[in-house]
C-alpha atoms as a PDB file:
ATOM      1  CA  MET A   1      85.343 102.415  59.275  1.00  0.00           C
ATOM      2  CA  GLY A   2      85.213 105.986  58.068  1.00  0.00           C
ATOM      3  CA  PRO A   3      88.236 108.254  58.217  1.00  0.00           C
ATOM      4  CA  GLU A   4      86.763 110.386  61.025  1.00  0.00           C
ATOM      5  CA  LEU A   5      86.076 107.356  63.188  1.00  0.00           C
ATOM      6  CA  HIS A   6      89.532 105.934  62.480  1.00  0.00           C
ATOM      7  CA  TYR A   7      91.086 109.262  63.447  1.00  0.00           C
ATOM      8  CA  GLN A   8      89.157 109.279  66.760  1.00  0.00           C
ATOM      9  CA  VAL A   9      90.265 105.706  67.484  1.00  0.00           C
ATOM     10  CA  MET A  10      93.875 106.720  66.841  1.00  0.00           C
ATOM     11  CA  ILE A  11      93.557 109.753  69.137  1.00  0.00           C
ATOM     12  CA  ASN A  12      91.985 107.662  71.917  1.00  0.00           C
ATOM     13  CA  ARG A  13      94.660 104.965  71.628  1.00  0.00           C
ATOM     14  CA  ALA A  14      97.442 107.557  71.695  1.00  0.00           C
ATOM     15  CA  SER A  15      95.913 109.040  74.836  1.00  0.00           C
ATOM     16  CA  GLU A  16      95.714 105.605  76.485  1.00  0.00           C
ATOM     17  CA  LEU A  17      99.334 104.882  75.624  1.00  0.00           C
ATOM     18  CA  GLN A  18     100.446 108.224  77.044  1.00  0.00           C
ATOM     19  CA  GLU A  19      98.598 107.502  80.298  1.00  0.00           C
ATOM     20  CA  GLU A  20     100.195 104.052  80.516  1.00  0.00           C
ATOM     21  CA  ALA A  21     103.635 105.534  79.880  1.00  0.00           C
ATOM     22  CA  ALA A  22     103.105 108.130  82.603  1.00  0.00           C
ATOM     23  CA  ALA A  23     102.030 105.445  85.086  1.00  0.00           C
ATOM     24  CA  HIS A  24     105.033 103.312  84.171  1.00  0.00           C
ATOM     25  CA  ARG A  25     107.340 106.311  84.564  1.00  0.00           C
ATOM     26  CA  ARG A  26     105.885 107.078  88.019  1.00  0.00           C
ATOM     27  CA  ALA A  27     106.355 103.443  89.068  1.00  0.00           C
ATOM     28  CA  ARG A  28     110.003 103.457  87.928  1.00  0.00           C
ATOM     29  CA  GLU A  29     110.629 106.736  89.769  1.00  0.00           C
ATOM     30  CA  ALA A  30     109.091 105.311  92.940  1.00  0.00           C
ATOM     31  CA  GLN A  31     111.270 102.201  92.673  1.00  0.00           C
ATOM     32  CA  SER A  32     114.434 104.225  92.160  1.00  0.00           C
ATOM     33  CA  ASP A  33     113.521 106.466  95.117  1.00  0.00           C
ATOM     34  CA  MET A  34     112.996 103.420  97.331  1.00  0.00           C
ATOM     35  CA  LYS A  35     116.333 101.951  96.251  1.00  0.00           C
ATOM     36  CA  ALA A  36     118.091 105.258  96.913  1.00  0.00           C
ATOM     37  CA  GLN A  37     116.587 105.415 100.395  1.00  0.00           C
ATOM     38  CA  GLN A  38     117.682 101.847 101.105  1.00  0.00           C
ATOM     39  CA  ARG A  39     121.209 102.593  99.876  1.00  0.00           C
ATOM     40  CA  SER A  40     121.489 105.703 102.020  1.00  0.00           C
ATOM     41  CA  GLY A  41     120.262 103.707 105.024  1.00  0.00           C
ATOM     42  CA  HIS A  42     122.874 101.010 104.389  1.00  0.00           C
ATOM     43  CA  ARG A  43     125.557 103.670 104.062  1.00  0.00           C
ATOM     44  CA  ARG A  44     124.558 105.194 107.388  1.00  0.00           C
ATOM     45  CA  LEU A  45     124.643 101.796 109.047  1.00  0.00           C
ATOM     46  CA  ARG A  46     128.073 101.057 107.605  1.00  0.00           C
ATOM     47  CA  ALA A  47     129.321 104.469 108.673  1.00  0.00           C
ATOM     48  CA  ALA A  48     127.989 103.989 112.201  1.00  0.00           C
ATOM     49  CA  PHE A  49     129.434 100.487 112.407  1.00  0.00           C
ATOM     50  CA  GLY A  50     132.809 101.730 111.187  1.00  0.00           C
ATOM     51  CA  LYS A  51     132.820 104.454 113.841  1.00  0.00           C
ATOM     52  CA  LEU A  52     131.983 101.907 116.539  1.00  0.00           C
ATOM     53  CA  ARG A  53     134.788  99.560 115.476  1.00  0.00           C
ATOM     54  CA  THR A  54     137.413 102.311 115.468  1.00  0.00           C
ATOM     55  CA  SER A  55     136.347 103.741 118.834  1.00  0.00           C
END
């Protein structure tokens, strides 16, 4: 494999890895957003339940 071809393979692989990292990052962000929404929903339910018990 010539140096030019090897360089192109390295560039292509780096690009693929960057795309994979971006997809992984988006998936982690989506998971953390879903967990945050669930937590806020649980907090609201607890708050509402606490208000009902004290009324």
